Amino acid sequence: MIREDLHVHTVFCDGKNTPGEMAEAALSLGMTTLGFSGHSHTPIDESYCMSREGTLQYREEVRRLKEKYKGRLRILCGIEMDYFADDDPENYDYVIGSVHYVLSDGVYYSVDHTPESFLRACSEGFGGDPYALCEAYYALLGDVVRKTRADIVGHFDLVTKFQEKKPLFSEEHPRYRAAWQKALSALLPTGAAFEINTGAMSRGWRSSPYPASPILKAIREGGGRLLLSSDSHSSSTLLYAFDRYEELL
């Protein structure tokens, strides 16, 4: 059984539990490695991410926990670095590179906040064309490793978060396929790993993990590396559905 989880959030950003509570939960699950990956400070939207001061406190707290749990639980200090973040990746054990926003005419739009905000982004920023929004998203994603120096590419097809319950476009559309294929072609040579991310499942939006099966197949055919991650925002969702997807991995 896989007992490592590297995509984990705490109260330092938009998580529900303290790092200490997450570490205790990890121990109770028999985990071997717990990687904290707080949302990096992102000046375009400070509502969900760590503040600059909070970032320093986060790193100090994880350092303390590393010592406290030494020999019982391997703890890593990572960061989920948004494309538009202003933190320094050199401060962390590893970096998850993610895209949570698209930019149109000087306005930043979230792609994963709510179905309503996604629809508004499509309407206001992309003339009602969801494929133009997806193309903008994947253009940024294809550059995310260069921009953030990421070791791991976060939730590859995040723009599909609401598709099962609030579909807005077809994932079979040629423009959509071409957009993700172009991003993947740019990312595969970097050597970064790709998540099988169960976070939208634990939050009730999806019945399967990111990325969708055609993308996952293309990653493997392209020689890409994969890892399971829960994108956990609470202690109750560490290793979420890993038992179901370990065989897939």
C-alpha atoms as a PDB file:
ATOM      1  CA  MET A   1       0.000   0.000   0.000  1.00  0.00           C
ATOM      2  CA  ILE A   2       1.183   3.495  -0.842  1.00  0.00           C
ATOM      3  CA  ARG A   3       1.647   5.452   2.377  1.00  0.00           C
ATOM      4  CA  GLU A   4       3.039   8.710   1.030  1.00  0.00           C
ATOM      5  CA  ASP A   5       1.029  11.868   0.343  1.00  0.00           C
ATOM      6  CA  LEU A   6       2.723  15.026  -0.912  1.00  0.00           C
ATOM      7  CA  HIS A   7      -0.232  17.330  -1.691  1.00  0.00           C
ATOM      8  CA  VAL A   8      -1.550  18.472   1.682  1.00  0.00           C
ATOM      9  CA  HIS A   9      -2.953  21.803   2.904  1.00  0.00           C
ATOM     10  CA  THR A  10      -3.374  23.191   6.415  1.00  0.00           C
ATOM     11  CA  VAL A  11      -4.810  26.209   8.247  1.00  0.00           C
ATOM     12  CA  PHE A  12      -1.858  28.220   6.979  1.00  0.00           C
ATOM     13  CA  CYS A  13      -3.801  28.473   3.688  1.00  0.00           C
ATOM     14  CA  ASP A  14      -7.280  27.070   2.991  1.00  0.00           C
ATOM     15  CA  GLY A  15      -7.018  23.804   4.932  1.00  0.00           C
ATOM     16  CA  LYS A  16      -9.046  22.884   8.008  1.00  0.00           C
ATOM     17  CA  ASN A  17      -6.386  21.347  10.262  1.00  0.00           C
ATOM     18  CA  THR A  18      -3.065  22.416  11.735  1.00  0.00           C
ATOM     19  CA  PRO A  19       0.151  20.785  10.511  1.00  0.00           C
ATOM     20  CA  GLY A  20       0.397  19.002  13.856  1.00  0.00           C
ATOM     21  CA  GLU A  21      -3.089  17.559  13.487  1.00  0.00           C
ATOM     22  CA  MET A  22      -2.273  16.398   9.978  1.00  0.00           C
ATOM     23  CA  ALA A  23       0.909  14.734  11.227  1.00  0.00           C
ATOM     24  CA  GLU A  24      -0.972  12.866  13.950  1.00  0.00           C
ATOM     25  CA  ALA A  25      -3.555  11.715  11.401  1.00  0.00           C
ATOM     26  CA  ALA A  26      -0.746  10.556   9.118  1.00  0.00           C
ATOM     27  CA  LEU A  27       0.742   8.502  11.926  1.00  0.00           C
ATOM     28  CA  SER A  28      -2.622   6.912  12.687  1.00  0.00           C
ATOM     29  CA  LEU A  29      -2.878   5.874   9.023  1.00  0.00           C
ATOM     30  CA  GLY A  30       0.561   4.304   9.098  1.00  0.00           C
ATOM     31  CA  MET A  31       1.940   6.811   6.623  1.00  0.00           C
ATOM     32  CA  THR A  32       5.673   6.863   5.955  1.00  0.00           C
ATOM     33  CA  THR A  33       5.916  10.319   4.326  1.00  0.00           C
ATOM     34  CA  LEU A  34       3.805  13.432   4.766  1.00  0.00           C
ATOM     35  CA  GLY A  35       4.535  16.328   2.446  1.00  0.00           C
ATOM     36  CA  PHE A  36       3.014  19.702   3.291  1.00  0.00           C
ATOM     37  CA  SER A  37       2.320  21.846   0.234  1.00  0.00           C
ATOM     38  CA  GLY A  38       0.732  25.110   1.313  1.00  0.00           C
ATOM     39  CA  HIS A  39      -0.640  27.431  -1.347  1.00  0.00           C
ATOM     40  CA  SER A  40       2.116  29.894  -2.178  1.00  0.00           C
ATOM     41  CA  HIS A  41       1.547  33.583  -1.646  1.00  0.00           C
ATOM     42  CA  THR A  42      -0.174  34.790  -4.801  1.00  0.00           C
ATOM     43  CA  PRO A  43      -0.651  38.587  -4.870  1.00  0.00           C
ATOM     44  CA  ILE A  44      -3.491  38.523  -7.401  1.00  0.00           C
ATOM     45  CA  ASP A  45      -5.738  36.744  -4.863  1.00  0.00           C
ATOM     46  CA  GLU A  46      -4.791  36.468  -1.190  1.00  0.00           C
ATOM     47  CA  SER A  47      -8.115  34.942  -0.113  1.00  0.00           C
ATOM     48  CA  TYR A  48      -6.962  31.318  -0.114  1.00  0.00           C
ATOM     49  CA  CYS A  49      -3.168  31.308  -0.017  1.00  0.00           C
ATOM     50  CA  MET A  50      -0.549  31.821   2.659  1.00  0.00           C
ATOM     51  CA  SER A  51       0.350  35.397   3.529  1.00  0.00           C
ATOM     52  CA  ARG A  52       3.994  36.437   3.358  1.00  0.00           C
ATOM     53  CA  GLU A  53       4.245  36.375   7.152  1.00  0.00           C
ATOM     54  CA  GLY A  54       2.247  33.147   7.304  1.00  0.00           C
ATOM     55  CA  THR A  55       4.650  31.551   4.833  1.00  0.00           C
ATOM     56  CA  LEU A  56       7.560  32.126   7.205  1.00  0.00           C
ATOM     57  CA  GLN A  57       5.524  30.687  10.098  1.00  0.00           C
ATOM     58  CA  TYR A  58       4.564  27.697   7.946  1.00  0.00           C
ATOM     59  CA  ARG A  59       8.174  26.867   7.138  1.00  0.00           C
ATOM     60  CA  GLU A  60       9.166  27.194  10.788  1.00  0.00           C
ATOM     61  CA  GLU A  61       6.303  24.960  11.949  1.00  0.00           C
ATOM     62  CA  VAL A  62       7.148  22.258   9.416  1.00  0.00           C
ATOM     63  CA  ARG A  63      10.802  22.417  10.500  1.00  0.00           C
ATOM     64  CA  ARG A  64       9.655  21.871  14.092  1.00  0.00           C
ATOM     65  CA  LEU A  65       7.512  18.896  13.096  1.00  0.00           C
ATOM     66  CA  LYS A  66      10.370  17.357  11.135  1.00  0.00           C
ATOM     67  CA  GLU A  67      12.337  17.160  14.356  1.00  0.00           C
ATOM     68  CA  LYS A  68       9.400  16.090  16.496  1.00  0.00           C
ATOM     69  CA  TYR A  69       8.497  13.133  14.279  1.00  0.00           C
ATOM     70  CA  LYS A  70      12.005  12.170  13.240  1.00  0.00           C
ATOM     71  CA  GLY A  71      12.303   8.397  13.003  1.00  0.00           C
ATOM     72  CA  ARG A  72       8.514   7.926  13.030  1.00  0.00           C
ATOM     73  CA  LEU A  73       7.275   9.951  10.071  1.00  0.00           C
ATOM     74  CA  ARG A  74       9.221  11.571   7.251  1.00  0.00           C
ATOM     75  CA  ILE A  75       7.950  15.125   6.901  1.00  0.00           C
ATOM     76  CA  LEU A  76       8.713  17.348   3.919  1.00  0.00           C
ATOM     77  CA  CYS A  77       8.212  21.079   3.493  1.00  0.00           C
ATOM     78  CA  GLY A  78       6.785  21.581   0.024  1.00  0.00           C
ATOM     79  CA  ILE A  79       4.821  24.324  -1.672  1.00  0.00           C
ATOM     80  CA  GLU A  80       2.025  24.420  -4.222  1.00  0.00           C
ATOM     81  CA  MET A  81       3.315  27.215  -6.396  1.00  0.00           C
ATOM     82  CA  ASP A  82       0.691  28.921  -8.514  1.00  0.00           C
ATOM     83  CA  TYR A  83       1.804  30.228 -11.901  1.00  0.00           C
ATOM     84  CA  PHE A  84       1.270  33.796 -10.658  1.00  0.00           C
ATOM     85  CA  ALA A  85       2.887  33.320  -7.231  1.00  0.00           C
ATOM     86  CA  ASP A  86       5.761  35.444  -5.952  1.00  0.00           C
ATOM     87  CA  ASP A  87       7.526  33.000  -3.599  1.00  0.00           C
ATOM     88  CA  ASP A  88      10.993  31.485  -4.097  1.00  0.00           C
ATOM     89  CA  PRO A  89      10.932  27.743  -4.868  1.00  0.00           C
ATOM     90  CA  GLU A  90      14.439  27.389  -3.435  1.00  0.00           C
ATOM     91  CA  ASN A  91      12.929  27.587   0.064  1.00  0.00           C
ATOM     92  CA  TYR A  92      11.232  24.176  -0.210  1.00  0.00           C
ATOM     93  CA  ASP A  93      11.949  20.452  -0.405  1.00  0.00           C
ATOM     94  CA  TYR A  94       9.797  20.184  -3.531  1.00  0.00           C
ATOM     95  CA  VAL A  95       7.396  22.261  -5.628  1.00  0.00           C
ATOM     96  CA  ILE A  96       3.984  21.402  -7.060  1.00  0.00           C
ATOM     97  CA  GLY A  97       3.393  23.709 -10.019  1.00  0.00           C
ATOM     98  CA  SER A  98      -0.261  24.586 -10.582  1.00  0.00           C
ATOM     99  CA  VAL A  99      -2.446  26.949 -12.570  1.00  0.00           C
ATOM    100  CA  HIS A 100      -5.541  28.248 -10.764  1.00  0.00           C
ATOM    101  CA  TYR A 101      -6.185  31.391 -12.835  1.00  0.00           C
ATOM    102  CA  VAL A 102      -6.333  32.559 -16.406  1.00  0.00           C
ATOM    103  CA  LEU A 103      -5.646  36.103 -17.531  1.00  0.00           C
ATOM    104  CA  SER A 104      -7.735  38.045 -20.039  1.00  0.00           C
ATOM    105  CA  ASP A 105      -7.510  41.787 -20.763  1.00  0.00           C
ATOM    106  CA  GLY A 106      -5.698  42.393 -17.513  1.00  0.00           C
ATOM    107  CA  VAL A 107      -8.250  40.511 -15.373  1.00  0.00           C
ATOM    108  CA  TYR A 108      -7.442  37.293 -13.507  1.00  0.00           C
ATOM    109  CA  TYR A 109     -10.171  34.652 -13.391  1.00  0.00           C
ATOM    110  CA  SER A 110     -10.219  31.573 -11.152  1.00  0.00           C
ATOM    111  CA  VAL A 111     -10.828  28.290 -12.964  1.00  0.00           C
ATOM    112  CA  ASP A 112     -11.739  26.185  -9.910  1.00  0.00           C
ATOM    113  CA  HIS A 113     -13.539  28.359  -7.340  1.00  0.00           C
ATOM    114  CA  THR A 114     -17.205  27.662  -8.186  1.00  0.00           C
ATOM    115  CA  PRO A 115     -19.183  26.658 -11.286  1.00  0.00           C
ATOM    116  CA  GLU A 116     -20.666  30.163 -11.296  1.00  0.00           C
ATOM    117  CA  SER A 117     -17.260  31.855 -11.252  1.00  0.00           C
ATOM    118  CA  PHE A 118     -16.061  29.565 -14.048  1.00  0.00           C
ATOM    119  CA  LEU A 119     -19.090  30.510 -16.144  1.00  0.00           C
ATOM    120  CA  ARG A 120     -18.490  34.185 -15.413  1.00  0.00           C
ATOM    121  CA  ALA A 121     -14.851  33.845 -16.468  1.00  0.00           C
ATOM    122  CA  CYS A 122     -15.969  32.271 -19.724  1.00  0.00           C
ATOM    123  CA  SER A 123     -18.571  34.956 -20.359  1.00  0.00           C
ATOM    124  CA  GLU A 124     -16.639  38.043 -19.278  1.00  0.00           C
ATOM    125  CA  GLY A 125     -13.112  37.083 -20.192  1.00  0.00           C
ATOM    126  CA  PHE A 126     -13.482  34.871 -23.243  1.00  0.00           C
ATOM    127  CA  GLY A 127     -16.593  36.041 -25.060  1.00  0.00           C
ATOM    128  CA  GLY A 128     -18.606  33.013 -23.992  1.00  0.00           C
ATOM    129  CA  ASP A 129     -16.124  30.619 -25.619  1.00  0.00           C
ATOM    130  CA  PRO A 130     -15.158  27.899 -23.096  1.00  0.00           C
ATOM    131  CA  TYR A 131     -12.553  26.484 -25.464  1.00  0.00           C
ATOM    132  CA  ALA A 132     -10.741  29.824 -25.539  1.00  0.00           C
ATOM    133  CA  LEU A 133     -10.658  29.711 -21.735  1.00  0.00           C
ATOM    134  CA  CYS A 134      -9.301  26.156 -21.795  1.00  0.00           C
ATOM    135  CA  GLU A 135      -6.688  27.134 -24.374  1.00  0.00           C
ATOM    136  CA  ALA A 136      -5.557  29.990 -22.114  1.00  0.00           C
ATOM    137  CA  TYR A 137      -5.366  27.617 -19.155  1.00  0.00           C
ATOM    138  CA  TYR A 138      -3.338  24.963 -20.958  1.00  0.00           C
ATOM    139  CA  ALA A 139      -1.005  27.579 -22.455  1.00  0.00           C
ATOM    140  CA  LEU A 140      -0.053  28.579 -18.903  1.00  0.00           C
ATOM    141  CA  LEU A 141       0.108  24.965 -17.721  1.00  0.00           C
ATOM    142  CA  GLY A 142       2.532  24.078 -20.501  1.00  0.00           C
ATOM    143  CA  ASP A 143       4.870  26.734 -19.077  1.00  0.00           C
ATOM    144  CA  VAL A 144       4.316  25.997 -15.376  1.00  0.00           C
ATOM    145  CA  VAL A 145       7.472  23.954 -14.799  1.00  0.00           C
ATOM    146  CA  ARG A 146       9.680  26.657 -16.301  1.00  0.00           C
ATOM    147  CA  LYS A 147       7.866  29.381 -14.350  1.00  0.00           C
ATOM    148  CA  THR A 148       7.740  27.656 -10.943  1.00  0.00           C
ATOM    149  CA  ARG A 149      10.625  25.162 -11.260  1.00  0.00           C
ATOM    150  CA  ALA A 150       8.120  22.489 -10.272  1.00  0.00           C
ATOM    151  CA  ASP A 151       8.998  18.892  -9.506  1.00  0.00           C
ATOM    152  CA  ILE A 152       5.332  17.871  -9.806  1.00  0.00           C
ATOM    153  CA  VAL A 153       2.589  19.147 -12.130  1.00  0.00           C
ATOM    154  CA  GLY A 154      -0.578  19.724 -10.094  1.00  0.00           C
ATOM    155  CA  HIS A 155      -4.082  18.565 -11.140  1.00  0.00           C
ATOM    156  CA  PHE A 156      -3.388  18.660 -14.884  1.00  0.00           C
ATOM    157  CA  ASP A 157      -6.960  19.158 -16.137  1.00  0.00           C
ATOM    158  CA  LEU A 158      -8.255  21.384 -13.332  1.00  0.00           C
ATOM    159  CA  VAL A 159     -10.557  23.166 -15.805  1.00  0.00           C
ATOM    160  CA  THR A 160     -12.739  20.043 -15.793  1.00  0.00           C
ATOM    161  CA  LYS A 161     -13.463  20.235 -12.055  1.00  0.00           C
ATOM    162  CA  PHE A 162     -17.162  21.042 -12.533  1.00  0.00           C
ATOM    163  CA  GLN A 163     -17.781  19.083 -15.735  1.00  0.00           C
ATOM    164  CA  GLU A 164     -19.654  16.178 -14.146  1.00  0.00           C
ATOM    165  CA  LYS A 165     -22.196  18.340 -12.314  1.00  0.00           C
ATOM    166  CA  LYS A 166     -22.157  21.560 -14.348  1.00  0.00           C
ATOM    167  CA  PRO A 167     -20.838  20.717 -17.835  1.00  0.00           C
ATOM    168  CA  LEU A 168     -19.844  23.683 -19.947  1.00  0.00           C
ATOM    169  CA  PHE A 169     -17.863  22.137 -22.798  1.00  0.00           C
ATOM    170  CA  SER A 170     -17.022  18.821 -24.432  1.00  0.00           C
ATOM    171  CA  GLU A 171     -13.755  17.155 -23.510  1.00  0.00           C
ATOM    172  CA  GLU A 172     -13.945  15.411 -26.889  1.00  0.00           C
ATOM    173  CA  HIS A 173     -13.879  18.708 -28.803  1.00  0.00           C
ATOM    174  CA  PRO A 174     -10.831  18.998 -31.115  1.00  0.00           C
ATOM    175  CA  ARG A 175      -9.845  22.387 -29.680  1.00  0.00           C
ATOM    176  CA  TYR A 176      -9.890  21.037 -26.138  1.00  0.00           C
ATOM    177  CA  ARG A 177      -7.866  17.956 -27.065  1.00  0.00           C
ATOM    178  CA  ALA A 178      -5.347  20.029 -28.996  1.00  0.00           C
ATOM    179  CA  ALA A 179      -4.918  22.393 -26.025  1.00  0.00           C
ATOM    180  CA  TRP A 180      -4.053  19.716 -23.471  1.00  0.00           C
ATOM    181  CA  GLN A 181      -1.927  17.781 -25.941  1.00  0.00           C
ATOM    182  CA  LYS A 182       0.168  20.887 -26.609  1.00  0.00           C
ATOM    183  CA  ALA A 183       0.641  21.469 -22.872  1.00  0.00           C
ATOM    184  CA  LEU A 184       1.602  17.854 -22.298  1.00  0.00           C
ATOM    185  CA  SER A 185       4.122  17.955 -25.145  1.00  0.00           C
ATOM    186  CA  ALA A 186       5.790  20.919 -23.447  1.00  0.00           C
ATOM    187  CA  LEU A 187       5.795  19.334 -19.984  1.00  0.00           C
ATOM    188  CA  LEU A 188       6.925  15.777 -20.675  1.00  0.00           C
ATOM    189  CA  PRO A 189      10.529  16.731 -21.599  1.00  0.00           C
ATOM    190  CA  THR A 190      10.944  18.553 -18.263  1.00  0.00           C
ATOM    191  CA  GLY A 191      10.921  15.289 -16.327  1.00  0.00           C
ATOM    192  CA  ALA A 192       8.407  16.589 -13.785  1.00  0.00           C
ATOM    193  CA  ALA A 193       5.993  14.041 -12.342  1.00  0.00           C
ATOM    194  CA  PHE A 194       2.237  14.243 -12.852  1.00  0.00           C
ATOM    195  CA  GLU A 195      -0.360  13.749 -10.153  1.00  0.00           C
ATOM    196  CA  ILE A 196      -3.188  11.304 -10.065  1.00  0.00           C
ATOM    197  CA  ASN A 197      -5.077  13.741  -7.843  1.00  0.00           C
ATOM    198  CA  THR A 198      -8.154  12.637  -5.866  1.00  0.00           C
ATOM    199  CA  GLY A 199      -8.928  16.046  -4.349  1.00  0.00           C
ATOM    200  CA  ALA A 200     -12.038  16.863  -6.371  1.00  0.00           C
ATOM    201  CA  MET A 201     -13.407  13.433  -5.476  1.00  0.00           C
ATOM    202  CA  SER A 202     -13.133  14.018  -1.719  1.00  0.00           C
ATOM    203  CA  ARG A 203     -14.832  17.394  -2.166  1.00  0.00           C
ATOM    204  CA  GLY A 204     -17.718  15.876  -4.109  1.00  0.00           C
ATOM    205  CA  TRP A 205     -17.117  17.343  -7.560  1.00  0.00           C
ATOM    206  CA  ARG A 206     -15.733  14.366  -9.439  1.00  0.00           C
ATOM    207  CA  SER A 207     -16.164  10.596  -9.364  1.00  0.00           C
ATOM    208  CA  SER A 208     -12.671   9.982 -10.732  1.00  0.00           C
ATOM    209  CA  PRO A 209      -9.303  11.670 -10.190  1.00  0.00           C
ATOM    210  CA  TYR A 210      -7.454  14.211 -12.295  1.00  0.00           C
ATOM    211  CA  PRO A 211      -6.390  13.712 -15.021  1.00  0.00           C
ATOM    212  CA  ALA A 212      -9.002  12.162 -17.293  1.00  0.00           C
ATOM    213  CA  SER A 213      -8.190   8.747 -18.749  1.00  0.00           C
ATOM    214  CA  PRO A 214      -7.092   9.952 -22.225  1.00  0.00           C
ATOM    215  CA  ILE A 215      -4.620  12.363 -20.638  1.00  0.00           C
ATOM    216  CA  LEU A 216      -3.368   9.744 -18.208  1.00  0.00           C
ATOM    217  CA  LYS A 217      -2.816   7.336 -21.088  1.00  0.00           C
ATOM    218  CA  ALA A 218      -0.932  10.003 -23.051  1.00  0.00           C
ATOM    219  CA  ILE A 219       1.299  10.742 -20.054  1.00  0.00           C
ATOM    220  CA  ARG A 220       2.241   7.083 -19.752  1.00  0.00           C
ATOM    221  CA  GLU A 221       2.768   6.661 -23.494  1.00  0.00           C
ATOM    222  CA  GLY A 222       5.031   9.705 -23.376  1.00  0.00           C
ATOM    223  CA  GLY A 223       7.123   8.196 -20.598  1.00  0.00           C
ATOM    224  CA  GLY A 224       5.814  10.525 -17.897  1.00  0.00           C
ATOM    225  CA  ARG A 225       6.116   9.722 -14.199  1.00  0.00           C
ATOM    226  CA  LEU A 226       3.044   9.553 -11.968  1.00  0.00           C
ATOM    227  CA  LEU A 227       2.270   9.753  -8.271  1.00  0.00           C
ATOM    228  CA  LEU A 228      -0.884   9.574  -6.178  1.00  0.00           C
ATOM    229  CA  SER A 229      -1.880  12.674  -4.208  1.00  0.00           C
ATOM    230  CA  SER A 230      -4.954  13.527  -2.180  1.00  0.00           C
ATOM    231  CA  ASP A 231      -4.827  17.334  -2.421  1.00  0.00           C
ATOM    232  CA  SER A 232      -6.084  17.004   1.126  1.00  0.00           C
ATOM    233  CA  HIS A 233      -7.543  20.019   2.926  1.00  0.00           C
ATOM    234  CA  SER A 234      -8.416  18.099   6.083  1.00  0.00           C
ATOM    235  CA  SER A 235      -7.018  15.261   8.153  1.00  0.00           C
ATOM    236  CA  SER A 236      -9.932  13.028   7.144  1.00  0.00           C
ATOM    237  CA  THR A 237      -8.931  12.958   3.462  1.00  0.00           C
ATOM    238  CA  LEU A 238      -5.270  11.995   3.631  1.00  0.00           C
ATOM    239  CA  LEU A 239      -4.606   9.116   1.189  1.00  0.00           C
ATOM    240  CA  TYR A 240      -8.144   9.600  -0.136  1.00  0.00           C
ATOM    241  CA  ALA A 241      -9.139   6.716  -2.455  1.00  0.00           C
ATOM    242  CA  PHE A 242      -5.512   5.588  -2.759  1.00  0.00           C
ATOM    243  CA  ASP A 243      -6.681   2.019  -2.307  1.00  0.00           C
ATOM    244  CA  ARG A 244      -8.787   2.336  -5.460  1.00  0.00           C
ATOM    245  CA  TYR A 245      -6.127   3.981  -7.631  1.00  0.00           C
ATOM    246  CA  GLU A 246      -2.900   2.365  -6.487  1.00  0.00           C
ATOM    247  CA  GLU A 247      -3.401  -0.389  -9.076  1.00  0.00           C
ATOM    248  CA  LEU A 248      -4.054   2.219 -11.762  1.00  0.00           C
ATOM    249  CA  LEU A 249      -0.835   3.981 -10.790  1.00  0.00           C
END
